[in-house]
Amino acid sequence: MKAGIIGAGAWGTALAQTLAAGGQHVRLWALEPEVVEAVNNDRQNPLYLPRIPLSPSIEATGDIAAMADRDMLLIVSPAQHLRKVVAQAPAGPPLILCSKGIEAGTGLLMSEVAAEAQPGSPIAVLSGPTFAHEVAKGLPTAITLACADADLAAKIAARIARPAFRPYLSDDVVGAEIGGAVKNVLAIACGVAEGAGLGLNARASLISRGFAEMTRFGLARGARAETLAGLSGLGDLVLTCSSTDSRNFSLGKGLGEGRAARDLLANRRTVAEGAFTAPVLREAARAARVEMPVVEAVCALLEDAAPLAQVMDALLARPLRAE
């Protein structure tokens, strides 16, 4: 299958590097002309994935219509732009969604957005614990490939699998997406704990209680518990909540240090998806009558609705209950 990747940020570029292993041709669409030029002429993407020499098998383009001859398209745009990007993409090839989030205004998962933007195109989801720079360097990585069509999933897996990049198949698209979306918000909470010096006990508590929230919400939306306990849920949660290499964790760390969310988010070239997902997730959880106190706390900090000490007091003062 001839692969095309739409979105040349760090993750899109890392995927292009992985799929180009062994000399296989990959076409990479970039919004920025300077990225197209740097990839084609200098074999690098200094804007989003610096210091990683890129394969000569990667061809960058600024023309999305050039993807028309591809047999599969990996969509790696920011979640809130996915609808527009998918609508512009050539129709027909399977869409492998690599963005993690929930659409503002609609509360739709990325697969639901893509189905509306391009009806009839087969859809799969690629999600899991993946720092882009590690994937681009060829370090061992396992990831979930979720698709309702088992035959299509097997074909995609055969194309993207590498000795150090191992896809595990699932037919639970909803579960894979919810894990990827919710973990970004929880990573902000763990970053806050780091920035505020609350200690590793607090971080472990946030990860475990956050996972409980993820599971409650996922089950309410039709996900399976085993998916949420796998790579695209718990696996991604542990990674993203443990390192400043995570944009969401770094955002939370800044909040914990007392910086304002508007300042931390201003003029960012890369996107901390959790900041956009948090208020959408809060409303979706309320509509489903699912309690997500950690998510509510993150929203309060992002909206500057209460100081950190007050938010922490509210979390710690919640009624005692069975785990």
C-alpha atoms as a PDB file:
ATOM      1  CA  MET A   1       0.000   0.000   0.000  1.00  0.00           C
ATOM      2  CA  LYS A   2       1.359   3.415  -0.985  1.00  0.00           C
ATOM      3  CA  ALA A   3       1.273   5.622   2.095  1.00  0.00           C
ATOM      4  CA  GLY A   4       0.480   9.292   2.333  1.00  0.00           C
ATOM      5  CA  ILE A   5       0.715  11.299   5.539  1.00  0.00           C
ATOM      6  CA  ILE A   6      -1.282  14.499   5.962  1.00  0.00           C
ATOM      7  CA  GLY A   7       0.347  16.647   8.605  1.00  0.00           C
ATOM      8  CA  ALA A   8       4.081  17.218   8.987  1.00  0.00           C
ATOM      9  CA  GLY A   9       4.314  18.027  12.667  1.00  0.00           C
ATOM     10  CA  ALA A  10       6.542  15.937  14.916  1.00  0.00           C
ATOM     11  CA  TRP A  11       4.245  12.889  14.920  1.00  0.00           C
ATOM     12  CA  GLY A  12       3.470  13.021  11.209  1.00  0.00           C
ATOM     13  CA  THR A  13       7.161  13.314  10.375  1.00  0.00           C
ATOM     14  CA  ALA A  14       8.051  10.462  12.723  1.00  0.00           C
ATOM     15  CA  LEU A  15       5.437   8.259  11.065  1.00  0.00           C
ATOM     16  CA  ALA A  16       6.827   9.167   7.647  1.00  0.00           C
ATOM     17  CA  GLN A  17      10.302   8.192   8.833  1.00  0.00           C
ATOM     18  CA  THR A  18       8.999   4.857  10.136  1.00  0.00           C
ATOM     19  CA  LEU A  19       7.020   4.003   7.010  1.00  0.00           C
ATOM     20  CA  ALA A  20       9.933   4.984   4.751  1.00  0.00           C
ATOM     21  CA  ALA A  21      12.205   2.379   6.348  1.00  0.00           C
ATOM     22  CA  GLY A  22      13.675   0.051   3.768  1.00  0.00           C
ATOM     23  CA  GLY A  23      13.368   2.607   0.988  1.00  0.00           C
ATOM     24  CA  GLN A  24       9.567   2.548   0.696  1.00  0.00           C
ATOM     25  CA  HIS A  25       8.223   5.772  -0.796  1.00  0.00           C
ATOM     26  CA  VAL A  26       6.138   7.977   1.498  1.00  0.00           C
ATOM     27  CA  ARG A  27       4.487  11.260   0.552  1.00  0.00           C
ATOM     28  CA  LEU A  28       4.186  13.807   3.356  1.00  0.00           C
ATOM     29  CA  TRP A  29       1.875  16.825   3.121  1.00  0.00           C
ATOM     30  CA  ALA A  30       2.936  19.923   5.055  1.00  0.00           C
ATOM     31  CA  LEU A  31       1.065  23.182   5.531  1.00  0.00           C
ATOM     32  CA  GLU A  32       4.247  25.253   5.784  1.00  0.00           C
ATOM     33  CA  PRO A  33       6.300  25.775   2.594  1.00  0.00           C
ATOM     34  CA  GLU A  34       9.485  25.957   4.660  1.00  0.00           C
ATOM     35  CA  VAL A  35       8.832  22.434   5.981  1.00  0.00           C
ATOM     36  CA  VAL A  36       8.330  21.109   2.433  1.00  0.00           C
ATOM     37  CA  GLU A  37      11.605  22.710   1.373  1.00  0.00           C
ATOM     38  CA  ALA A  38      13.547  21.483   4.403  1.00  0.00           C
ATOM     39  CA  VAL A  39      12.331  17.889   4.040  1.00  0.00           C
ATOM     40  CA  ASN A  40      12.989  17.709   0.296  1.00  0.00           C
ATOM     41  CA  ASN A  41      16.267  19.620   0.171  1.00  0.00           C
ATOM     42  CA  ASP A  42      17.862  19.148   3.568  1.00  0.00           C
ATOM     43  CA  ARG A  43      16.332  15.853   4.700  1.00  0.00           C
ATOM     44  CA  GLN A  44      15.160  17.312   8.003  1.00  0.00           C
ATOM     45  CA  ASN A  45      12.229  19.039   9.678  1.00  0.00           C
ATOM     46  CA  PRO A  46      13.882  21.567  11.987  1.00  0.00           C
ATOM     47  CA  LEU A  47      10.554  23.237  12.757  1.00  0.00           C
ATOM     48  CA  TYR A  48       8.910  20.218  14.406  1.00  0.00           C
ATOM     49  CA  LEU A  49      11.382  17.320  14.650  1.00  0.00           C
ATOM     50  CA  PRO A  50      14.891  18.798  14.822  1.00  0.00           C
ATOM     51  CA  ARG A  51      18.136  16.815  14.759  1.00  0.00           C
ATOM     52  CA  ILE A  52      16.551  13.763  13.092  1.00  0.00           C
ATOM     53  CA  PRO A  53      18.005  12.955   9.622  1.00  0.00           C
ATOM     54  CA  LEU A  54      15.093  11.961   7.399  1.00  0.00           C
ATOM     55  CA  SER A  55      14.942   9.169   4.853  1.00  0.00           C
ATOM     56  CA  PRO A  56      15.456  10.074   1.178  1.00  0.00           C
ATOM     57  CA  SER A  57      12.305   8.010   0.510  1.00  0.00           C
ATOM     58  CA  ILE A  58      10.156  10.758   2.035  1.00  0.00           C
ATOM     59  CA  GLU A  59       8.754  13.219  -0.508  1.00  0.00           C
ATOM     60  CA  ALA A  60       7.162  16.350   0.948  1.00  0.00           C
ATOM     61  CA  THR A  61       4.455  18.330  -0.809  1.00  0.00           C
ATOM     62  CA  GLY A  62       2.294  21.350  -0.112  1.00  0.00           C
ATOM     63  CA  ASP A  63      -0.434  20.162  -2.503  1.00  0.00           C
ATOM     64  CA  ILE A  64      -2.968  17.930  -0.761  1.00  0.00           C
ATOM     65  CA  ALA A  65      -4.313  16.831  -4.159  1.00  0.00           C
ATOM     66  CA  ALA A  66      -0.974  15.036  -4.672  1.00  0.00           C
ATOM     67  CA  MET A  67      -2.278  12.412  -2.246  1.00  0.00           C
ATOM     68  CA  ALA A  68      -4.813  11.167  -4.786  1.00  0.00           C
ATOM     69  CA  ASP A  69      -2.663   8.185  -5.843  1.00  0.00           C
ATOM     70  CA  ARG A  70      -2.113   6.936  -2.273  1.00  0.00           C
ATOM     71  CA  ASP A  71      -3.609   3.639  -1.082  1.00  0.00           C
ATOM     72  CA  MET A  72      -3.851   4.831   2.526  1.00  0.00           C
ATOM     73  CA  LEU A  73      -3.813   8.232   4.196  1.00  0.00           C
ATOM     74  CA  LEU A  74      -2.588   8.819   7.737  1.00  0.00           C
ATOM     75  CA  ILE A  75      -4.268  11.968   9.090  1.00  0.00           C
ATOM     76  CA  VAL A  76      -2.023  13.679  11.623  1.00  0.00           C
ATOM     77  CA  SER A  77      -3.572  17.137  11.891  1.00  0.00           C
ATOM     78  CA  PRO A  78      -4.460  18.782  15.224  1.00  0.00           C
ATOM     79  CA  ALA A  79      -7.785  17.397  16.428  1.00  0.00           C
ATOM     80  CA  GLN A  80      -9.686  20.665  16.106  1.00  0.00           C
ATOM     81  CA  HIS A  81      -8.635  20.981  12.439  1.00  0.00           C
ATOM     82  CA  LEU A  82      -9.309  17.378  11.459  1.00  0.00           C
ATOM     83  CA  ARG A  83     -12.747  18.032   9.934  1.00  0.00           C
ATOM     84  CA  LYS A  84     -11.377  20.642   7.524  1.00  0.00           C
ATOM     85  CA  VAL A  85      -8.337  18.563   6.608  1.00  0.00           C
ATOM     86  CA  VAL A  86     -10.319  15.379   5.947  1.00  0.00           C
ATOM     87  CA  ALA A  87     -12.820  17.280   3.821  1.00  0.00           C
ATOM     88  CA  GLN A  88      -9.941  18.521   1.642  1.00  0.00           C
ATOM     89  CA  ALA A  89      -8.239  15.131   1.359  1.00  0.00           C
ATOM     90  CA  PRO A  90      -8.774  12.974  -1.738  1.00  0.00           C
ATOM     91  CA  ALA A  91     -11.740  10.634  -1.269  1.00  0.00           C
ATOM     92  CA  GLY A  92     -11.433   6.870  -1.458  1.00  0.00           C
ATOM     93  CA  PRO A  93      -8.318   5.652   0.373  1.00  0.00           C
ATOM     94  CA  PRO A  94      -8.676   4.379   3.941  1.00  0.00           C
ATOM     95  CA  LEU A  95      -8.173   7.116   6.537  1.00  0.00           C
ATOM     96  CA  ILE A  96      -5.955   6.207   9.470  1.00  0.00           C
ATOM     97  CA  LEU A  97      -6.624   8.811  12.132  1.00  0.00           C
ATOM     98  CA  CYS A  98      -3.610   9.665  14.283  1.00  0.00           C
ATOM     99  CA  SER A  99      -5.045  12.732  16.052  1.00  0.00           C
ATOM    100  CA  LYS A 100      -6.189  12.496  19.674  1.00  0.00           C
ATOM    101  CA  GLY A 101      -9.058  14.624  20.885  1.00  0.00           C
ATOM    102  CA  ILE A 102     -12.775  15.417  20.897  1.00  0.00           C
ATOM    103  CA  GLU A 103     -14.175  18.037  18.539  1.00  0.00           C
ATOM    104  CA  ALA A 104     -15.255  21.285  20.201  1.00  0.00           C
ATOM    105  CA  GLY A 105     -18.840  22.284  19.507  1.00  0.00           C
ATOM    106  CA  THR A 106     -20.003  18.785  18.566  1.00  0.00           C
ATOM    107  CA  GLY A 107     -18.434  16.500  21.175  1.00  0.00           C
ATOM    108  CA  LEU A 108     -17.645  14.020  18.394  1.00  0.00           C
ATOM    109  CA  LEU A 109     -14.702  11.633  18.386  1.00  0.00           C
ATOM    110  CA  MET A 110     -12.264  11.912  15.504  1.00  0.00           C
ATOM    111  CA  SER A 111     -13.711   8.866  13.708  1.00  0.00           C
ATOM    112  CA  GLU A 112     -17.170  10.428  13.890  1.00  0.00           C
ATOM    113  CA  VAL A 113     -15.827  13.717  12.543  1.00  0.00           C
ATOM    114  CA  ALA A 114     -14.048  11.951   9.678  1.00  0.00           C
ATOM    115  CA  ALA A 115     -17.183   9.963   8.809  1.00  0.00           C
ATOM    116  CA  GLU A 116     -19.122  13.212   8.480  1.00  0.00           C
ATOM    117  CA  ALA A 117     -16.381  15.027   6.573  1.00  0.00           C
ATOM    118  CA  GLN A 118     -15.768  12.200   4.103  1.00  0.00           C
ATOM    119  CA  PRO A 119     -18.703   9.743   4.081  1.00  0.00           C
ATOM    120  CA  GLY A 120     -17.933   6.300   2.771  1.00  0.00           C
ATOM    121  CA  SER A 121     -14.173   6.276   3.337  1.00  0.00           C
ATOM    122  CA  PRO A 122     -12.934   3.372   5.496  1.00  0.00           C
ATOM    123  CA  ILE A 123     -11.628   4.566   8.861  1.00  0.00           C
ATOM    124  CA  ALA A 124      -9.028   3.228  11.270  1.00  0.00           C
ATOM    125  CA  VAL A 125      -7.416   4.746  14.362  1.00  0.00           C
ATOM    126  CA  LEU A 126      -3.737   4.614  15.338  1.00  0.00           C
ATOM    127  CA  SER A 127      -3.184   5.464  18.995  1.00  0.00           C
ATOM    128  CA  GLY A 128      -0.859   4.569  21.841  1.00  0.00           C
ATOM    129  CA  PRO A 129       2.227   5.555  23.849  1.00  0.00           C
ATOM    130  CA  THR A 130       4.359   7.282  21.238  1.00  0.00           C
ATOM    131  CA  PHE A 131       6.800  10.116  21.738  1.00  0.00           C
ATOM    132  CA  ALA A 132       7.567  11.225  18.185  1.00  0.00           C
ATOM    133  CA  HIS A 133      11.315  11.642  18.593  1.00  0.00           C
ATOM    134  CA  GLU A 134      11.686   8.103  19.940  1.00  0.00           C
ATOM    135  CA  VAL A 135       9.662   6.608  17.083  1.00  0.00           C
ATOM    136  CA  ALA A 136      11.715   8.586  14.547  1.00  0.00           C
ATOM    137  CA  LYS A 137      14.925   7.200  16.070  1.00  0.00           C
ATOM    138  CA  GLY A 138      13.640   3.659  15.705  1.00  0.00           C
ATOM    139  CA  LEU A 139      13.311   2.970  19.424  1.00  0.00           C
ATOM    140  CA  PRO A 140      10.932   0.120  20.374  1.00  0.00           C
ATOM    141  CA  THR A 141       7.281   1.157  20.278  1.00  0.00           C
ATOM    142  CA  ALA A 142       3.956  -0.695  20.480  1.00  0.00           C
ATOM    143  CA  ILE A 143       0.695   0.901  19.397  1.00  0.00           C
ATOM    144  CA  THR A 144      -2.996   0.119  18.902  1.00  0.00           C
ATOM    145  CA  LEU A 145      -4.467  -0.037  15.403  1.00  0.00           C
ATOM    146  CA  ALA A 146      -8.253  -0.023  15.756  1.00  0.00           C
ATOM    147  CA  CYS A 147     -10.560  -0.709  12.828  1.00  0.00           C
ATOM    148  CA  ALA A 148     -14.003  -2.287  12.458  1.00  0.00           C
ATOM    149  CA  ASP A 149     -12.854  -4.090   9.287  1.00  0.00           C
ATOM    150  CA  ALA A 150     -10.467  -6.879  10.316  1.00  0.00           C
ATOM    151  CA  ASP A 151      -9.191  -7.486   6.784  1.00  0.00           C
ATOM    152  CA  LEU A 152      -8.385  -3.821   6.259  1.00  0.00           C
ATOM    153  CA  ALA A 153      -6.704  -3.650   9.676  1.00  0.00           C
ATOM    154  CA  ALA A 154      -4.471  -6.588   8.738  1.00  0.00           C
ATOM    155  CA  LYS A 155      -3.447  -4.903   5.468  1.00  0.00           C
ATOM    156  CA  ILE A 156      -2.644  -1.622   7.203  1.00  0.00           C
ATOM    157  CA  ALA A 157      -0.718  -3.396   9.962  1.00  0.00           C
ATOM    158  CA  ALA A 158       1.388  -5.252   7.402  1.00  0.00           C
ATOM    159  CA  ARG A 159       2.312  -1.925   5.765  1.00  0.00           C
ATOM    160  CA  ILE A 160       3.197   0.014   8.903  1.00  0.00           C
ATOM    161  CA  ALA A 161       4.783  -2.683  11.080  1.00  0.00           C
ATOM    162  CA  ARG A 162       8.532  -2.571  11.597  1.00  0.00           C
ATOM    163  CA  PRO A 163      10.820  -4.571  13.892  1.00  0.00           C
ATOM    164  CA  ALA A 164      10.718  -1.717  16.413  1.00  0.00           C
ATOM    165  CA  PHE A 165       7.183  -0.478  15.617  1.00  0.00           C
ATOM    166  CA  ARG A 166       4.575  -3.083  16.526  1.00  0.00           C
ATOM    167  CA  PRO A 167       0.841  -2.504  15.949  1.00  0.00           C
ATOM    168  CA  TYR A 168      -1.675  -4.509  17.981  1.00  0.00           C
ATOM    169  CA  LEU A 169      -5.082  -4.897  16.330  1.00  0.00           C
ATOM    170  CA  SER A 170      -8.457  -4.035  17.858  1.00  0.00           C
ATOM    171  CA  ASP A 171     -11.972  -3.519  16.562  1.00  0.00           C
ATOM    172  CA  ASP A 172     -12.807  -1.116  19.413  1.00  0.00           C
ATOM    173  CA  VAL A 173     -12.405   2.209  17.628  1.00  0.00           C
ATOM    174  CA  VAL A 174     -14.305   4.132  20.320  1.00  0.00           C
ATOM    175  CA  GLY A 175     -12.123   2.743  23.102  1.00  0.00           C
ATOM    176  CA  ALA A 176      -8.886   3.577  21.292  1.00  0.00           C
ATOM    177  CA  GLU A 177     -10.051   7.137  20.681  1.00  0.00           C
ATOM    178  CA  ILE A 178     -11.330   7.807  24.181  1.00  0.00           C
ATOM    179  CA  GLY A 179      -8.089   6.606  25.723  1.00  0.00           C
ATOM    180  CA  GLY A 180      -6.066   8.942  23.512  1.00  0.00           C
ATOM    181  CA  ALA A 181      -8.309  11.937  24.162  1.00  0.00           C
ATOM    182  CA  VAL A 182      -8.757  11.602  27.922  1.00  0.00           C
ATOM    183  CA  LYS A 183      -5.109  10.868  28.714  1.00  0.00           C
ATOM    184  CA  ASN A 184      -4.105  14.286  27.357  1.00  0.00           C
ATOM    185  CA  VAL A 185      -6.267  16.013  29.969  1.00  0.00           C
ATOM    186  CA  LEU A 186      -5.011  13.776  32.762  1.00  0.00           C
ATOM    187  CA  ALA A 187      -1.423  14.505  31.717  1.00  0.00           C
ATOM    188  CA  ILE A 188      -2.064  18.182  32.404  1.00  0.00           C
ATOM    189  CA  ALA A 189      -3.140  17.256  35.934  1.00  0.00           C
ATOM    190  CA  CYS A 190       0.036  15.248  36.491  1.00  0.00           C
ATOM    191  CA  GLY A 191       2.106  18.130  35.178  1.00  0.00           C
ATOM    192  CA  VAL A 192       0.402  20.420  37.681  1.00  0.00           C
ATOM    193  CA  ALA A 193       1.413  18.046  40.485  1.00  0.00           C
ATOM    194  CA  GLU A 194       5.005  18.162  39.237  1.00  0.00           C
ATOM    195  CA  GLY A 195       5.095  21.936  38.903  1.00  0.00           C
ATOM    196  CA  ALA A 196       3.539  22.473  42.313  1.00  0.00           C
ATOM    197  CA  GLY A 197       5.931  20.041  43.991  1.00  0.00           C
ATOM    198  CA  LEU A 198       3.168  17.749  45.222  1.00  0.00           C
ATOM    199  CA  GLY A 199       5.325  14.645  44.984  1.00  0.00           C
ATOM    200  CA  LEU A 200       5.262  11.268  43.282  1.00  0.00           C
ATOM    201  CA  ASN A 201       2.522   9.910  45.554  1.00  0.00           C
ATOM    202  CA  ALA A 202       0.204  12.586  44.208  1.00  0.00           C
ATOM    203  CA  ARG A 203       1.160  11.788  40.627  1.00  0.00           C
ATOM    204  CA  ALA A 204       0.532   8.075  41.094  1.00  0.00           C
ATOM    205  CA  SER A 205      -2.838   8.865  42.666  1.00  0.00           C
ATOM    206  CA  LEU A 206      -3.769  11.117  39.754  1.00  0.00           C
ATOM    207  CA  ILE A 207      -2.792   8.466  37.211  1.00  0.00           C
ATOM    208  CA  SER A 208      -4.806   5.729  38.925  1.00  0.00           C
ATOM    209  CA  ARG A 209      -7.851   7.846  39.756  1.00  0.00           C
ATOM    210  CA  GLY A 210      -7.650   9.465  36.337  1.00  0.00           C
ATOM    211  CA  PHE A 211      -7.659   6.027  34.771  1.00  0.00           C
ATOM    212  CA  ALA A 212     -10.817   5.271  36.741  1.00  0.00           C
ATOM    213  CA  GLU A 213     -12.385   8.398  35.213  1.00  0.00           C
ATOM    214  CA  MET A 214     -11.246   7.377  31.735  1.00  0.00           C
ATOM    215  CA  THR A 215     -12.788   3.947  32.221  1.00  0.00           C
ATOM    216  CA  ARG A 216     -16.124   5.291  33.510  1.00  0.00           C
ATOM    217  CA  PHE A 217     -16.421   7.690  30.604  1.00  0.00           C
ATOM    218  CA  GLY A 218     -15.274   5.134  28.060  1.00  0.00           C
ATOM    219  CA  LEU A 219     -17.775   2.518  29.198  1.00  0.00           C
ATOM    220  CA  ALA A 220     -20.535   5.123  29.056  1.00  0.00           C
ATOM    221  CA  ARG A 221     -19.608   5.812  25.423  1.00  0.00           C
ATOM    222  CA  GLY A 222     -19.519   2.141  24.439  1.00  0.00           C
ATOM    223  CA  ALA A 223     -15.801   1.393  24.790  1.00  0.00           C
ATOM    224  CA  ARG A 224     -14.518  -1.909  26.149  1.00  0.00           C
ATOM    225  CA  ALA A 225     -12.654  -2.011  29.457  1.00  0.00           C
ATOM    226  CA  GLU A 226      -9.830  -4.142  28.017  1.00  0.00           C
ATOM    227  CA  THR A 227      -9.146  -1.506  25.345  1.00  0.00           C
ATOM    228  CA  LEU A 228      -8.891   1.222  27.959  1.00  0.00           C
ATOM    229  CA  ALA A 229      -6.494  -0.978  29.956  1.00  0.00           C
ATOM    230  CA  GLY A 230      -4.308  -1.477  26.874  1.00  0.00           C
ATOM    231  CA  LEU A 231      -1.798   0.540  24.882  1.00  0.00           C
ATOM    232  CA  SER A 232      -4.175   3.258  23.695  1.00  0.00           C
ATOM    233  CA  GLY A 233      -5.534   3.856  27.195  1.00  0.00           C
ATOM    234  CA  LEU A 234      -3.442   3.012  30.238  1.00  0.00           C
ATOM    235  CA  GLY A 235      -0.235   2.659  28.215  1.00  0.00           C
ATOM    236  CA  ASP A 236      -0.534   6.124  26.698  1.00  0.00           C
ATOM    237  CA  LEU A 237      -1.659   7.557  30.032  1.00  0.00           C
ATOM    238  CA  VAL A 238       1.436   6.315  31.868  1.00  0.00           C
ATOM    239  CA  LEU A 239       3.788   7.683  29.211  1.00  0.00           C
ATOM    240  CA  THR A 240       2.155  11.086  28.873  1.00  0.00           C
ATOM    241  CA  CYS A 241       1.880  11.600  32.632  1.00  0.00           C
ATOM    242  CA  SER A 242       5.546  10.874  33.278  1.00  0.00           C
ATOM    243  CA  SER A 243       7.713  13.188  31.194  1.00  0.00           C
ATOM    244  CA  THR A 244       8.170  16.787  30.145  1.00  0.00           C
ATOM    245  CA  ASP A 245       8.549  15.410  26.613  1.00  0.00           C
ATOM    246  CA  SER A 246       4.741  15.440  26.746  1.00  0.00           C
ATOM    247  CA  ARG A 247       3.338  18.796  25.643  1.00  0.00           C
ATOM    248  CA  ASN A 248       0.338  18.320  27.929  1.00  0.00           C
ATOM    249  CA  PHE A 249       2.483  17.429  30.951  1.00  0.00           C
ATOM    250  CA  SER A 250       4.664  20.490  30.246  1.00  0.00           C
ATOM    251  CA  LEU A 251       1.577  22.714  30.075  1.00  0.00           C
ATOM    252  CA  GLY A 252       0.404  21.370  33.421  1.00  0.00           C
ATOM    253  CA  LYS A 253       3.841  21.858  34.933  1.00  0.00           C
ATOM    254  CA  GLY A 254       3.672  25.523  33.995  1.00  0.00           C
ATOM    255  CA  LEU A 255       0.252  25.827  35.602  1.00  0.00           C
ATOM    256  CA  GLY A 256       1.573  24.169  38.753  1.00  0.00           C
ATOM    257  CA  GLU A 257       4.410  26.675  38.853  1.00  0.00           C
ATOM    258  CA  GLY A 258       1.851  29.486  38.922  1.00  0.00           C
ATOM    259  CA  ARG A 259       1.894  30.626  35.301  1.00  0.00           C
ATOM    260  CA  ALA A 260      -1.346  31.572  33.559  1.00  0.00           C
ATOM    261  CA  ALA A 261      -2.804  29.204  30.977  1.00  0.00           C
ATOM    262  CA  ARG A 262      -3.246  32.014  28.428  1.00  0.00           C
ATOM    263  CA  ASP A 263       0.467  32.816  28.637  1.00  0.00           C
ATOM    264  CA  LEU A 264       1.508  29.174  28.365  1.00  0.00           C
ATOM    265  CA  LEU A 265      -0.724  28.629  25.334  1.00  0.00           C
ATOM    266  CA  ALA A 266       0.144  31.859  23.535  1.00  0.00           C
ATOM    267  CA  ASN A 267       2.373  31.646  20.487  1.00  0.00           C
ATOM    268  CA  ARG A 268       2.878  27.883  20.783  1.00  0.00           C
ATOM    269  CA  ARG A 269       3.869  26.261  17.511  1.00  0.00           C
ATOM    270  CA  THR A 270       2.996  22.791  18.809  1.00  0.00           C
ATOM    271  CA  VAL A 271      -0.445  21.914  20.179  1.00  0.00           C
ATOM    272  CA  ALA A 272      -1.222  20.681  23.694  1.00  0.00           C
ATOM    273  CA  GLU A 273      -4.418  18.883  22.691  1.00  0.00           C
ATOM    274  CA  GLY A 274      -5.548  18.412  26.285  1.00  0.00           C
ATOM    275  CA  ALA A 275      -6.179  22.133  26.684  1.00  0.00           C
ATOM    276  CA  PHE A 276      -8.795  21.995  23.934  1.00  0.00           C
ATOM    277  CA  THR A 277     -10.185  18.591  24.865  1.00  0.00           C
ATOM    278  CA  ALA A 278     -10.685  19.373  28.572  1.00  0.00           C
ATOM    279  CA  PRO A 279     -13.781  21.623  28.359  1.00  0.00           C
ATOM    280  CA  VAL A 280     -15.364  19.427  25.675  1.00  0.00           C
ATOM    281  CA  LEU A 281     -14.734  16.320  27.780  1.00  0.00           C
ATOM    282  CA  ARG A 282     -16.189  18.003  30.858  1.00  0.00           C
ATOM    283  CA  GLU A 283     -19.441  18.784  29.051  1.00  0.00           C
ATOM    284  CA  ALA A 284     -19.629  15.300  27.507  1.00  0.00           C
ATOM    285  CA  ALA A 285     -19.086  13.724  30.923  1.00  0.00           C
ATOM    286  CA  ARG A 286     -21.751  15.876  32.528  1.00  0.00           C
ATOM    287  CA  ALA A 287     -24.197  14.989  29.747  1.00  0.00           C
ATOM    288  CA  ALA A 288     -23.465  11.297  30.317  1.00  0.00           C
ATOM    289  CA  ARG A 289     -23.696  11.775  34.115  1.00  0.00           C
ATOM    290  CA  VAL A 290     -20.167  10.496  34.562  1.00  0.00           C
ATOM    291  CA  GLU A 291     -18.146  11.958  37.429  1.00  0.00           C
ATOM    292  CA  MET A 292     -14.702  13.167  36.329  1.00  0.00           C
ATOM    293  CA  PRO A 293     -13.369  15.334  39.182  1.00  0.00           C
ATOM    294  CA  VAL A 294      -9.784  15.395  37.880  1.00  0.00           C
ATOM    295  CA  VAL A 295     -11.011  16.651  34.520  1.00  0.00           C
ATOM    296  CA  GLU A 296     -13.148  19.273  36.285  1.00  0.00           C
ATOM    297  CA  ALA A 297     -10.075  20.405  38.235  1.00  0.00           C
ATOM    298  CA  VAL A 298      -7.993  20.752  35.073  1.00  0.00           C
ATOM    299  CA  CYS A 299     -10.728  22.852  33.474  1.00  0.00           C
ATOM    300  CA  ALA A 300     -10.836  25.158  36.491  1.00  0.00           C
ATOM    301  CA  LEU A 301      -7.091  25.770  36.212  1.00  0.00           C
ATOM    302  CA  LEU A 302      -7.145  26.269  32.444  1.00  0.00           C
ATOM    303  CA  GLU A 303     -10.005  28.750  32.774  1.00  0.00           C
ATOM    304  CA  ASP A 304      -8.370  30.501  35.737  1.00  0.00           C
ATOM    305  CA  ALA A 305     -11.611  29.879  37.626  1.00  0.00           C
ATOM    306  CA  ALA A 306      -9.864  29.167  40.925  1.00  0.00           C
ATOM    307  CA  PRO A 307      -6.315  29.201  42.352  1.00  0.00           C
ATOM    308  CA  LEU A 308      -4.442  25.911  42.534  1.00  0.00           C
ATOM    309  CA  ALA A 309      -4.714  25.651  46.314  1.00  0.00           C
ATOM    310  CA  GLN A 310      -8.500  25.936  46.140  1.00  0.00           C
ATOM    311  CA  VAL A 311      -8.718  23.371  43.339  1.00  0.00           C
ATOM    312  CA  MET A 312      -6.568  20.930  45.315  1.00  0.00           C
ATOM    313  CA  ASP A 313      -8.612  21.473  48.470  1.00  0.00           C
ATOM    314  CA  ALA A 314     -11.795  20.685  46.552  1.00  0.00           C
ATOM    315  CA  LEU A 315     -10.323  17.448  45.200  1.00  0.00           C
ATOM    316  CA  LEU A 316      -9.047  16.334  48.595  1.00  0.00           C
ATOM    317  CA  ALA A 317     -12.316  17.209  50.318  1.00  0.00           C
ATOM    318  CA  ARG A 318     -14.429  14.921  48.149  1.00  0.00           C
ATOM    319  CA  PRO A 319     -16.509  12.377  50.130  1.00  0.00           C
ATOM    320  CA  LEU A 320     -14.743   9.159  51.055  1.00  0.00           C
ATOM    321  CA  ARG A 321     -15.900   6.234  48.962  1.00  0.00           C
ATOM    322  CA  ALA A 322     -15.075   2.707  47.956  1.00  0.00           C
ATOM    323  CA  GLU A 323     -12.478   2.336  45.218  1.00  0.00           C
END
